[in-house]
Each structure stands twice: as structure tokens, then as C-alpha cells.
Amino acid sequence: MSSIPPLPSYIKDTKFIILATITVQDDQTDQIKSKLLNIQKKAKSDEEPGTLSYRVHQSFETPNKFTIYEEYENKSGLESHLKSTEFQDLMKLQSSFSLDSTFLQEL
């Protein structure tokens, strides 16, 4: 399993949102896009009940840039998502992209 950094300590048993931005090396855009769409398909299935929403967006202006809107029921929902085969397949390619994540709470 690829290394996943520890989750922020403020993520507990409450609903939260992640806005993730992935910037991909140009020659890897199609491959990463395919991996992200596989993750989205799995996240929207009954196999990830703790994932409330997972939507992948691609920039018009910068096609190698993706923004992912993720919503989780709680910390264990995210932990389950991070352990999925589909997510791990993406992480095997982590040398070909940069990832920035912002954790949000709904008001």
C-alpha cells in the first residue's frame, strides 16, 4: 500500500469536505484521468458508504489540472476510501503528479 500521510487531528466523527487539486505531468494526463474516473465510479457505489460525494473536474484552460470535490460522512469514511484498490492504483503513479488538499467544514 502506498504511503498516505496522517489525517489532520481535527478530522473526527463529523461530516467534512476535501477540495483536492492534482496537477499532472502532461504526458500522464490521460492515464491519471482514467484512474480518477475509476475512483469516482467506486466512490459512488455502495462499496464506499462513507463517501457521500466524489466528483472529478478537469480544467478547460489547463487540461492537466484536476479538481476533486470529496464529501465524507466521517474520518472512517475517508480512511476506507484511501484503502480502496482504485485509490491505491492512483497512488502508484504519485511521482507523476502533485496533490494539494484543503479540508473544509460545512457551515
PDB file of N, CA and C in Angstrom:
ATOM      1  N   MET A   1       0.846  -1.172   0.000  1.00  0.00           N
ATOM      2  CA  MET A   1       0.000   0.000   0.000  1.00  0.00           C
ATOM      3  C   MET A   1       0.894   1.238   0.000  1.00  0.00           C
ATOM      4  N   SER A   2       0.562   2.233  -0.805  1.00  0.00           N
ATOM      5  CA  SER A   2       1.319   3.474  -0.857  1.00  0.00           C
ATOM      6  C   SER A   2       1.185   4.224   0.458  1.00  0.00           C
ATOM      7  N   SER A   3       2.180   5.038   0.710  1.00  0.00           N
ATOM      8  CA  SER A   3       2.175   5.816   1.942  1.00  0.00           C
ATOM      9  C   SER A   3       1.141   6.934   1.869  1.00  0.00           C
ATOM     10  N   ILE A   4       0.301   7.012   2.875  1.00  0.00           N
ATOM     11  CA  ILE A   4      -0.707   8.056   2.973  1.00  0.00           C
ATOM     12  C   ILE A   4      -0.383   8.866   4.217  1.00  0.00           C
ATOM     13  N   PRO A   5      -0.267  10.195   4.068  1.00  0.00           N
ATOM     14  CA  PRO A   5       0.062  10.998   5.251  1.00  0.00           C
ATOM     15  C   PRO A   5      -1.043  10.923   6.289  1.00  0.00           C
ATOM     16  N   PRO A   6      -0.694  11.137   7.552  1.00  0.00           N
ATOM     17  CA  PRO A   6      -1.719  11.110   8.598  1.00  0.00           C
ATOM     18  C   PRO A   6      -2.761  12.199   8.351  1.00  0.00           C
ATOM     19  N   LEU A   7      -3.989  11.897   8.724  1.00  0.00           N
ATOM     20  CA  LEU A   7      -5.069  12.866   8.568  1.00  0.00           C
ATOM     21  C   LEU A   7      -4.943  13.947   9.632  1.00  0.00           C
ATOM     22  N   PRO A   8      -5.401  15.160   9.328  1.00  0.00           N
ATOM     23  CA  PRO A   8      -5.362  16.218  10.343  1.00  0.00           C
ATOM     24  C   PRO A   8      -6.121  15.796  11.599  1.00  0.00           C
ATOM     25  N   SER A   9      -5.634  16.217  12.747  1.00  0.00           N
ATOM     26  CA  SER A   9      -6.233  15.799  14.024  1.00  0.00           C
ATOM     27  C   SER A   9      -7.658  16.312  14.200  1.00  0.00           C
ATOM     28  N   TYR A  10      -8.016  17.393  13.507  1.00  0.00           N
ATOM     29  CA  TYR A  10      -9.372  17.934  13.659  1.00  0.00           C
ATOM     30  C   TYR A  10     -10.418  17.149  12.869  1.00  0.00           C
ATOM     31  N   ILE A  11     -10.000  16.192  12.039  1.00  0.00           N
ATOM     32  CA  ILE A  11     -10.950  15.347  11.310  1.00  0.00           C
ATOM     33  C   ILE A  11     -11.359  14.214  12.245  1.00  0.00           C
ATOM     34  N   LYS A  12     -12.611  14.224  12.641  1.00  0.00           N
ATOM     35  CA  LYS A  12     -13.091  13.226  13.597  1.00  0.00           C
ATOM     36  C   LYS A  12     -14.361  12.589  13.070  1.00  0.00           C
ATOM     37  N   ASP A  13     -15.346  12.443  13.913  1.00  0.00           N
ATOM     38  CA  ASP A  13     -16.597  11.788  13.531  1.00  0.00           C
ATOM     39  C   ASP A  13     -17.666  12.793  13.140  1.00  0.00           C
ATOM     40  N   THR A  14     -17.324  13.637  12.200  1.00  0.00           N
ATOM     41  CA  THR A  14     -18.280  14.606  11.679  1.00  0.00           C
ATOM     42  C   THR A  14     -18.097  14.716  10.172  1.00  0.00           C
ATOM     43  N   LYS A  15     -19.117  15.139   9.484  1.00  0.00           N
ATOM     44  CA  LYS A  15     -19.060  15.278   8.032  1.00  0.00           C
ATOM     45  C   LYS A  15     -18.057  16.371   7.666  1.00  0.00           C
ATOM     46  N   PHE A  16     -17.289  16.141   6.584  1.00  0.00           N
ATOM     47  CA  PHE A  16     -16.338  17.144   6.114  1.00  0.00           C
ATOM     48  C   PHE A  16     -16.143  17.006   4.612  1.00  0.00           C
ATOM     49  N   ILE A  17     -15.524  18.020   4.045  1.00  0.00           N
ATOM     50  CA  ILE A  17     -15.301  18.115   2.603  1.00  0.00           C
ATOM     51  C   ILE A  17     -13.810  18.283   2.353  1.00  0.00           C
ATOM     52  N   ILE A  18     -13.349  17.699   1.262  1.00  0.00           N
ATOM     53  CA  ILE A  18     -11.982  17.919   0.799  1.00  0.00           C
ATOM     54  C   ILE A  18     -12.056  18.476  -0.615  1.00  0.00           C
ATOM     55  N   LEU A  19     -11.324  19.555  -0.857  1.00  0.00           N
ATOM     56  CA  LEU A  19     -11.102  20.035  -2.213  1.00  0.00           C
ATOM     57  C   LEU A  19      -9.659  19.694  -2.548  1.00  0.00           C
ATOM     58  N   ALA A  20      -9.484  18.791  -3.485  1.00  0.00           N
ATOM     59  CA  ALA A  20      -8.151  18.342  -3.870  1.00  0.00           C
ATOM     60  C   ALA A  20      -7.846  18.835  -5.277  1.00  0.00           C
ATOM     61  N   THR A  21      -6.629  19.304  -5.471  1.00  0.00           N
ATOM     62  CA  THR A  21      -6.175  19.720  -6.792  1.00  0.00           C
ATOM     63  C   THR A  21      -4.977  18.866  -7.168  1.00  0.00           C
ATOM     64  N   ILE A  22      -5.078  18.247  -8.329  1.00  0.00           N
ATOM     65  CA  ILE A  22      -3.995  17.412  -8.842  1.00  0.00           C
ATOM     66  C   ILE A  22      -3.485  18.048 -10.126  1.00  0.00           C
ATOM     67  N   THR A  23      -2.192  18.301 -10.181  1.00  0.00           N
ATOM     68  CA  THR A  23      -1.550  18.795 -11.390  1.00  0.00           C
ATOM     69  C   THR A  23      -0.630  17.687 -11.889  1.00  0.00           C
ATOM     70  N   VAL A  24      -0.866  17.288 -13.136  1.00  0.00           N
ATOM     71  CA  VAL A  24      -0.234  16.092 -13.700  1.00  0.00           C
ATOM     72  C   VAL A  24       0.828  16.485 -14.723  1.00  0.00           C
ATOM     73  N   GLN A  25       1.894  15.696 -14.814  1.00  0.00           N
ATOM     74  CA  GLN A  25       2.836  15.861 -15.917  1.00  0.00           C
ATOM     75  C   GLN A  25       2.055  15.641 -17.211  1.00  0.00           C
ATOM     76  N   ASP A  26       2.278  16.510 -18.195  1.00  0.00           N
ATOM     77  CA  ASP A  26       1.473  16.490 -19.424  1.00  0.00           C
ATOM     78  C   ASP A  26       1.342  15.108 -20.056  1.00  0.00           C
ATOM     79  N   ASP A  27       2.407  14.356 -20.097  1.00  0.00           N
ATOM     80  CA  ASP A  27       2.361  13.050 -20.769  1.00  0.00           C
ATOM     81  C   ASP A  27       1.599  11.989 -19.970  1.00  0.00           C
ATOM     82  N   GLN A  28       1.193  12.309 -18.756  1.00  0.00           N
ATOM     83  CA  GLN A  28       0.468  11.358 -17.908  1.00  0.00           C
ATOM     84  C   GLN A  28      -1.004  11.735 -17.714  1.00  0.00           C
ATOM     85  N   THR A  29      -1.452  12.807 -18.359  1.00  0.00           N
ATOM     86  CA  THR A  29      -2.801  13.324 -18.125  1.00  0.00           C
ATOM     87  C   THR A  29      -3.879  12.282 -18.373  1.00  0.00           C
ATOM     88  N   ASP A  30      -3.824  11.601 -19.504  1.00  0.00           N
ATOM     89  CA  ASP A  30      -4.872  10.620 -19.825  1.00  0.00           C
ATOM     90  C   ASP A  30      -4.886   9.459 -18.839  1.00  0.00           C
ATOM     91  N   GLN A  31      -3.710   8.997 -18.447  1.00  0.00           N
ATOM     92  CA  GLN A  31      -3.633   7.876 -17.507  1.00  0.00           C
ATOM     93  C   GLN A  31      -4.183   8.273 -16.131  1.00  0.00           C
ATOM     94  N   ILE A  32      -3.808   9.445 -15.644  1.00  0.00           N
ATOM     95  CA  ILE A  32      -4.303   9.897 -14.341  1.00  0.00           C
ATOM     96  C   ILE A  32      -5.802  10.157 -14.410  1.00  0.00           C
ATOM     97  N   LYS A  33      -6.263  10.737 -15.496  1.00  0.00           N
ATOM     98  CA  LYS A  33      -7.701  10.973 -15.669  1.00  0.00           C
ATOM     99  C   LYS A  33      -8.470   9.662 -15.578  1.00  0.00           C
ATOM    100  N   SER A  34      -7.974   8.635 -16.228  1.00  0.00           N
ATOM    101  CA  SER A  34      -8.616   7.318 -16.177  1.00  0.00           C
ATOM    102  C   SER A  34      -8.663   6.784 -14.746  1.00  0.00           C
ATOM    103  N   LYS A  35      -7.567   6.927 -14.014  1.00  0.00           N
ATOM    104  CA  LYS A  35      -7.521   6.468 -12.618  1.00  0.00           C
ATOM    105  C   LYS A  35      -8.525   7.241 -11.760  1.00  0.00           C
ATOM    106  N   LEU A  36      -8.606   8.558 -11.968  1.00  0.00           N
ATOM    107  CA  LEU A  36      -9.544   9.377 -11.196  1.00  0.00           C
ATOM    108  C   LEU A  36     -10.989   8.986 -11.481  1.00  0.00           C
ATOM    109  N   LEU A  37     -11.290   8.687 -12.733  1.00  0.00           N
ATOM    110  CA  LEU A  37     -12.653   8.273 -13.080  1.00  0.00           C
ATOM    111  C   LEU A  37     -12.985   6.905 -12.483  1.00  0.00           C
ATOM    112  N   ASN A  38     -11.986   6.018 -12.387  1.00  0.00           N
ATOM    113  CA  ASN A  38     -12.198   4.728 -11.712  1.00  0.00           C
ATOM    114  C   ASN A  38     -12.495   4.939 -10.227  1.00  0.00           C
ATOM    115  N   ILE A  39     -11.768   5.855  -9.607  1.00  0.00           N
ATOM    116  CA  ILE A  39     -12.009   6.170  -8.195  1.00  0.00           C
ATOM    117  C   ILE A  39     -13.411   6.735  -8.028  1.00  0.00           C
ATOM    118  N   GLN A  40     -13.793   7.650  -8.913  1.00  0.00           N
ATOM    119  CA  GLN A  40     -15.126   8.252  -8.838  1.00  0.00           C
ATOM    120  C   GLN A  40     -16.218   7.193  -8.945  1.00  0.00           C
ATOM    121  N   LYS A  41     -16.055   6.269  -9.870  1.00  0.00           N
ATOM    122  CA  LYS A  41     -17.051   5.202 -10.047  1.00  0.00           C
ATOM    123  C   LYS A  41     -17.186   4.370  -8.773  1.00  0.00           C
ATOM    124  N   LYS A  42     -16.053   3.996  -8.181  1.00  0.00           N
ATOM    125  CA  LYS A  42     -16.069   3.201  -6.951  1.00  0.00           C
ATOM    126  C   LYS A  42     -16.681   3.998  -5.794  1.00  0.00           C
ATOM    127  N   ALA A  43     -16.309   5.277  -5.695  1.00  0.00           N
ATOM    128  CA  ALA A  43     -16.792   6.119  -4.592  1.00  0.00           C
ATOM    129  C   ALA A  43     -18.301   6.315  -4.653  1.00  0.00           C
ATOM    130  N   LYS A  44     -18.862   6.292  -5.846  1.00  0.00           N
ATOM    131  CA  LYS A  44     -20.310   6.480  -5.999  1.00  0.00           C
ATOM    132  C   LYS A  44     -21.088   5.178  -5.827  1.00  0.00           C
ATOM    133  N   SER A  45     -20.376   4.076  -5.649  1.00  0.00           N
ATOM    134  CA  SER A  45     -21.039   2.780  -5.492  1.00  0.00           C
ATOM    135  C   SER A  45     -21.375   2.524  -4.026  1.00  0.00           C
ATOM    136  N   ASP A  46     -22.100   1.446  -3.790  1.00  0.00           N
ATOM    137  CA  ASP A  46     -22.438   1.048  -2.423  1.00  0.00           C
ATOM    138  C   ASP A  46     -21.225   0.514  -1.665  1.00  0.00           C
ATOM    139  N   GLU A  47     -20.108   0.325  -2.360  1.00  0.00           N
ATOM    140  CA  GLU A  47     -18.906  -0.205  -1.718  1.00  0.00           C
ATOM    141  C   GLU A  47     -18.205   0.828  -0.840  1.00  0.00           C
ATOM    142  N   GLU A  48     -18.572   2.101  -0.968  1.00  0.00           N
ATOM    143  CA  GLU A  48     -17.996   3.155  -0.135  1.00  0.00           C
ATOM    144  C   GLU A  48     -19.114   3.968   0.512  1.00  0.00           C
ATOM    145  N   PRO A  49     -19.823   3.381   1.460  1.00  0.00           N
ATOM    146  CA  PRO A  49     -20.962   4.090   2.057  1.00  0.00           C
ATOM    147  C   PRO A  49     -20.570   5.360   2.812  1.00  0.00           C
ATOM    148  N   GLY A  50     -19.340   5.473   3.269  1.00  0.00           N
ATOM    149  CA  GLY A  50     -18.904   6.666   3.990  1.00  0.00           C
ATOM    150  C   GLY A  50     -18.529   7.827   3.086  1.00  0.00           C
ATOM    151  N   THR A  51     -18.469   7.558   1.770  1.00  0.00           N
ATOM    152  CA  THR A  51     -18.203   8.614   0.793  1.00  0.00           C
ATOM    153  C   THR A  51     -19.539   9.152   0.320  1.00  0.00           C
ATOM    154  N   LEU A  52     -19.851  10.384   0.676  1.00  0.00           N
ATOM    155  CA  LEU A  52     -21.138  10.983   0.331  1.00  0.00           C
ATOM    156  C   LEU A  52     -21.126  11.587  -1.067  1.00  0.00           C
ATOM    157  N   SER A  53     -19.968  12.085  -1.500  1.00  0.00           N
ATOM    158  CA  SER A  53     -19.845  12.668  -2.832  1.00  0.00           C
ATOM    159  C   SER A  53     -18.388  12.616  -3.259  1.00  0.00           C
ATOM    160  N   TYR A  54     -18.158  12.356  -4.534  1.00  0.00           N
ATOM    161  CA  TYR A  54     -16.808  12.355  -5.095  1.00  0.00           C
ATOM    162  C   TYR A  54     -16.950  12.749  -6.555  1.00  0.00           C
ATOM    163  N   ARG A  55     -16.545  13.980  -6.872  1.00  0.00           N
ATOM    164  CA  ARG A  55     -16.733  14.496  -8.228  1.00  0.00           C
ATOM    165  C   ARG A  55     -15.408  15.018  -8.773  1.00  0.00           C
ATOM    166  N   VAL A  56     -15.043  14.501  -9.937  1.00  0.00           N
ATOM    167  CA  VAL A  56     -13.798  14.878 -10.597  1.00  0.00           C
ATOM    168  C   VAL A  56     -14.099  15.944 -11.652  1.00  0.00           C
ATOM    169  N   HIS A  57     -13.280  16.998 -11.676  1.00  0.00           N
ATOM    170  CA  HIS A  57     -13.425  18.092 -12.639  1.00  0.00           C
ATOM    171  C   HIS A  57     -12.080  18.322 -13.316  1.00  0.00           C
ATOM    172  N   GLN A  58     -12.120  18.608 -14.625  1.00  0.00           N
ATOM    173  CA  GLN A  58     -10.901  18.886 -15.381  1.00  0.00           C
ATOM    174  C   GLN A  58     -10.947  20.330 -15.868  1.00  0.00           C
ATOM    175  N   SER A  59      -9.840  21.031 -15.740  1.00  0.00           N
ATOM    176  CA  SER A  59      -9.755  22.429 -16.153  1.00  0.00           C
ATOM    177  C   SER A  59      -9.833  22.559 -17.670  1.00  0.00           C
ATOM    178  N   PHE A  60     -10.630  23.524 -18.135  1.00  0.00           N
ATOM    179  CA  PHE A  60     -10.658  23.843 -19.565  1.00  0.00           C
ATOM    180  C   PHE A  60      -9.324  24.441 -19.999  1.00  0.00           C
ATOM    181  N   GLU A  61      -8.822  25.404 -19.224  1.00  0.00           N
ATOM    182  CA  GLU A  61      -7.620  26.147 -19.587  1.00  0.00           C
ATOM    183  C   GLU A  61      -6.340  25.334 -19.425  1.00  0.00           C
ATOM    184  N   THR A  62      -6.320  24.474 -18.422  1.00  0.00           N
ATOM    185  CA  THR A  62      -5.125  23.684 -18.116  1.00  0.00           C
ATOM    186  C   THR A  62      -5.546  22.222 -17.991  1.00  0.00           C
ATOM    187  N   PRO A  63      -5.620  21.495 -19.107  1.00  0.00           N
ATOM    188  CA  PRO A  63      -6.180  20.136 -19.092  1.00  0.00           C
ATOM    189  C   PRO A  63      -5.450  19.134 -18.196  1.00  0.00           C
ATOM    190  N   ASN A  64      -4.230  19.456 -17.782  1.00  0.00           N
ATOM    191  CA  ASN A  64      -3.514  18.539 -16.896  1.00  0.00           C
ATOM    192  C   ASN A  64      -3.771  18.855 -15.417  1.00  0.00           C
ATOM    193  N   LYS A  65      -4.788  19.684 -15.162  1.00  0.00           N
ATOM    194  CA  LYS A  65      -5.141  20.051 -13.787  1.00  0.00           C
ATOM    195  C   LYS A  65      -6.560  19.573 -13.479  1.00  0.00           C
ATOM    196  N   PHE A  66      -6.684  18.834 -12.385  1.00  0.00           N
ATOM    197  CA  PHE A  66      -7.963  18.272 -11.957  1.00  0.00           C
ATOM    198  C   PHE A  66      -8.301  18.794 -10.563  1.00  0.00           C
ATOM    199  N   THR A  67      -9.573  19.064 -10.351  1.00  0.00           N
ATOM    200  CA  THR A  67     -10.063  19.418  -9.021  1.00  0.00           C
ATOM    201  C   THR A  67     -11.087  18.368  -8.626  1.00  0.00           C
ATOM    202  N   ILE A  68     -10.933  17.826  -7.440  1.00  0.00           N
ATOM    203  CA  ILE A  68     -11.836  16.785  -6.951  1.00  0.00           C
ATOM    204  C   ILE A  68     -12.557  17.322  -5.722  1.00  0.00           C
ATOM    205  N   TYR A  69     -13.887  17.244  -5.766  1.00  0.00           N
ATOM    206  CA  TYR A  69     -14.733  17.610  -4.632  1.00  0.00           C
ATOM    207  C   TYR A  69     -15.110  16.308  -3.943  1.00  0.00           C
ATOM    208  N   GLU A  70     -14.722  16.181  -2.675  1.00  0.00           N
ATOM    209  CA  GLU A  70     -14.981  14.961  -1.914  1.00  0.00           C
ATOM    210  C   GLU A  70     -15.743  15.320  -0.642  1.00  0.00           C
ATOM    211  N   GLU A  71     -16.748  14.523  -0.332  1.00  0.00           N
ATOM    212  CA  GLU A  71     -17.501  14.733   0.908  1.00  0.00           C
ATOM    213  C   GLU A  71     -17.611  13.394   1.623  1.00  0.00           C
ATOM    214  N   TYR A  72     -17.252  13.394   2.905  1.00  0.00           N
ATOM    215  CA  TYR A  72     -17.233  12.162   3.690  1.00  0.00           C
ATOM    216  C   TYR A  72     -18.113  12.291   4.920  1.00  0.00           C
ATOM    217  N   GLU A  73     -18.698  11.170   5.291  1.00  0.00           N
ATOM    218  CA  GLU A  73     -19.554  11.110   6.476  1.00  0.00           C
ATOM    219  C   GLU A  73     -18.747  11.360   7.743  1.00  0.00           C
ATOM    220  N   ASN A  74     -17.514  10.837   7.759  1.00  0.00           N
ATOM    221  CA  ASN A  74     -16.643  10.971   8.923  1.00  0.00           C
ATOM    222  C   ASN A  74     -15.245  10.476   8.557  1.00  0.00           C
ATOM    223  N   LYS A  75     -14.362  10.477   9.537  1.00  0.00           N
ATOM    224  CA  LYS A  75     -12.977  10.072   9.324  1.00  0.00           C
ATOM    225  C   LYS A  75     -12.879   8.641   8.801  1.00  0.00           C
ATOM    226  N   SER A  76     -13.671   7.731   9.330  1.00  0.00           N
ATOM    227  CA  SER A  76     -13.572   6.336   8.878  1.00  0.00           C
ATOM    228  C   SER A  76     -14.028   6.190   7.425  1.00  0.00           C
ATOM    229  N   GLY A  77     -14.948   7.058   6.972  1.00  0.00           N
ATOM    230  CA  GLY A  77     -15.343   7.041   5.566  1.00  0.00           C
ATOM    231  C   GLY A  77     -14.173   7.372   4.657  1.00  0.00           C
ATOM    232  N   LEU A  78     -13.385   8.374   5.046  1.00  0.00           N
ATOM    233  CA  LEU A  78     -12.197   8.730   4.270  1.00  0.00           C
ATOM    234  C   LEU A  78     -11.146   7.631   4.351  1.00  0.00           C
ATOM    235  N   GLU A  79     -10.935   7.088   5.534  1.00  0.00           N
ATOM    236  CA  GLU A  79      -9.936   6.027   5.679  1.00  0.00           C
ATOM    237  C   GLU A  79     -10.275   4.835   4.792  1.00  0.00           C
ATOM    238  N   SER A  80     -11.532   4.483   4.715  1.00  0.00           N
ATOM    239  CA  SER A  80     -11.970   3.389   3.847  1.00  0.00           C
ATOM    240  C   SER A  80     -11.689   3.729   2.383  1.00  0.00           C
ATOM    241  N   HIS A  81     -11.976   4.958   1.996  1.00  0.00           N
ATOM    242  CA  HIS A  81     -11.728   5.412   0.625  1.00  0.00           C
ATOM    243  C   HIS A  81     -10.238   5.318   0.283  1.00  0.00           C
ATOM    244  N   LEU A  82      -9.383   5.757   1.202  1.00  0.00           N
ATOM    245  CA  LEU A  82      -7.941   5.758   0.962  1.00  0.00           C
ATOM    246  C   LEU A  82      -7.366   4.355   0.816  1.00  0.00           C
ATOM    247  N   LYS A  83      -8.040   3.371   1.388  1.00  0.00           N
ATOM    248  CA  LYS A  83      -7.578   1.979   1.304  1.00  0.00           C
ATOM    249  C   LYS A  83      -8.080   1.259   0.059  1.00  0.00           C
ATOM    250  N   SER A  84      -8.960   1.890  -0.706  1.00  0.00           N
ATOM    251  CA  SER A  84      -9.540   1.217  -1.871  1.00  0.00           C
ATOM    252  C   SER A  84      -8.464   0.900  -2.908  1.00  0.00           C
ATOM    253  N   THR A  85      -8.671  -0.174  -3.627  1.00  0.00           N
ATOM    254  CA  THR A  85      -7.753  -0.581  -4.694  1.00  0.00           C
ATOM    255  C   THR A  85      -7.605   0.528  -5.723  1.00  0.00           C
ATOM    256  N   GLU A  86      -8.709   1.184  -6.043  1.00  0.00           N
ATOM    257  CA  GLU A  86      -8.686   2.237  -7.055  1.00  0.00           C
ATOM    258  C   GLU A  86      -7.815   3.416  -6.619  1.00  0.00           C
ATOM    259  N   PHE A  87      -7.931   3.812  -5.356  1.00  0.00           N
ATOM    260  CA  PHE A  87      -7.101   4.907  -4.856  1.00  0.00           C
ATOM    261  C   PHE A  87      -5.637   4.481  -4.815  1.00  0.00           C
ATOM    262  N   GLN A  88      -5.383   3.264  -4.392  1.00  0.00           N
ATOM    263  CA  GLN A  88      -4.008   2.771  -4.335  1.00  0.00           C
ATOM    264  C   GLN A  88      -3.383   2.697  -5.728  1.00  0.00           C
ATOM    265  N   ASP A  89      -4.191   2.367  -6.748  1.00  0.00           N
ATOM    266  CA  ASP A  89      -3.688   2.359  -8.126  1.00  0.00           C
ATOM    267  C   ASP A  89      -3.228   3.757  -8.541  1.00  0.00           C
ATOM    268  N   LEU A  90      -3.975   4.776  -8.141  1.00  0.00           N
ATOM    269  CA  LEU A  90      -3.569   6.153  -8.431  1.00  0.00           C
ATOM    270  C   LEU A  90      -2.273   6.489  -7.701  1.00  0.00           C
ATOM    271  N   MET A  91      -2.177   6.111  -6.451  1.00  0.00           N
ATOM    272  CA  MET A  91      -1.005   6.461  -5.650  1.00  0.00           C
ATOM    273  C   MET A  91       0.278   5.806  -6.161  1.00  0.00           C
ATOM    274  N   LYS A  92       0.163   4.723  -6.899  1.00  0.00           N
ATOM    275  CA  LYS A  92       1.348   4.108  -7.515  1.00  0.00           C
ATOM    276  C   LYS A  92       1.988   5.046  -8.534  1.00  0.00           C
ATOM    277  N   LEU A  93       1.219   6.020  -9.015  1.00  0.00           N
ATOM    278  CA  LEU A  93       1.701   6.973 -10.013  1.00  0.00           C
ATOM    279  C   LEU A  93       1.991   8.344  -9.408  1.00  0.00           C
ATOM    280  N   GLN A  94       2.105   8.420  -8.089  1.00  0.00           N
ATOM    281  CA  GLN A  94       2.218   9.714  -7.420  1.00  0.00           C
ATOM    282  C   GLN A  94       3.450  10.517  -7.824  1.00  0.00           C
ATOM    283  N   SER A  95       4.447   9.881  -8.408  1.00  0.00           N
ATOM    284  CA  SER A  95       5.617  10.643  -8.865  1.00  0.00           C
ATOM    285  C   SER A  95       5.303  11.477 -10.107  1.00  0.00           C
ATOM    286  N   SER A  96       4.151  11.228 -10.747  1.00  0.00           N
ATOM    287  CA  SER A  96       3.804  11.957 -11.970  1.00  0.00           C
ATOM    288  C   SER A  96       2.797  13.087 -11.733  1.00  0.00           C
ATOM    289  N   PHE A  97       2.481  13.380 -10.471  1.00  0.00           N
ATOM    290  CA  PHE A  97       1.551  14.476 -10.187  1.00  0.00           C
ATOM    291  C   PHE A  97       1.829  15.097  -8.825  1.00  0.00           C
ATOM    292  N   SER A  98       1.333  16.320  -8.674  1.00  0.00           N
ATOM    293  CA  SER A  98       1.370  16.971  -7.360  1.00  0.00           C
ATOM    294  C   SER A  98      -0.062  17.057  -6.852  1.00  0.00           C
ATOM    295  N   LEU A  99      -0.211  16.993  -5.553  1.00  0.00           N
ATOM    296  CA  LEU A  99      -1.530  16.979  -4.925  1.00  0.00           C
ATOM    297  C   LEU A  99      -1.570  18.012  -3.807  1.00  0.00           C
ATOM    298  N   ASP A 100      -2.581  18.869  -3.862  1.00  0.00           N
ATOM    299  CA  ASP A 100      -2.845  19.827  -2.789  1.00  0.00           C
ATOM    300  C   ASP A 100      -4.265  19.589  -2.307  1.00  0.00           C
ATOM    301  N   SER A 101      -4.448  19.501  -0.998  1.00  0.00           N
ATOM    302  CA  SER A 101      -5.775  19.250  -0.429  1.00  0.00           C
ATOM    303  C   SER A 101      -6.122  20.293   0.619  1.00  0.00           C
ATOM    304  N   THR A 102      -7.394  20.694   0.615  1.00  0.00           N
ATOM    305  CA  THR A 102      -7.930  21.593   1.626  1.00  0.00           C
ATOM    306  C   THR A 102      -9.107  20.896   2.288  1.00  0.00           C
ATOM    307  N   PHE A 103      -9.085  20.811   3.613  1.00  0.00           N
ATOM    308  CA  PHE A 103     -10.171  20.199   4.377  1.00  0.00           C
ATOM    309  C   PHE A 103     -11.120  21.305   4.820  1.00  0.00           C
ATOM    310  N   LEU A 104     -12.418  21.087   4.604  1.00  0.00           N
ATOM    311  CA  LEU A 104     -13.425  22.104   4.908  1.00  0.00           C
ATOM    312  C   LEU A 104     -14.538  21.526   5.761  1.00  0.00           C
ATOM    313  N   GLN A 105     -15.176  22.399   6.526  1.00  0.00           N
ATOM    314  CA  GLN A 105     -16.392  22.020   7.240  1.00  0.00           C
ATOM    315  C   GLN A 105     -17.541  22.843   6.677  1.00  0.00           C
ATOM    316  N   GLU A 106     -18.687  22.227   6.564  1.00  0.00           N
ATOM    317  CA  GLU A 106     -19.861  22.935   6.077  1.00  0.00           C
ATOM    318  C   GLU A 106     -20.457  23.745   7.221  1.00  0.00           C
ATOM    319  N   LEU A 107     -20.843  24.959   6.938  1.00  0.00           N
ATOM    320  CA  LEU A 107     -21.427  25.823   7.968  1.00  0.00           C
ATOM    321  C   LEU A 107     -22.934  25.830   7.878  1.00  0.00           C
TER     322      LEU A 107
END
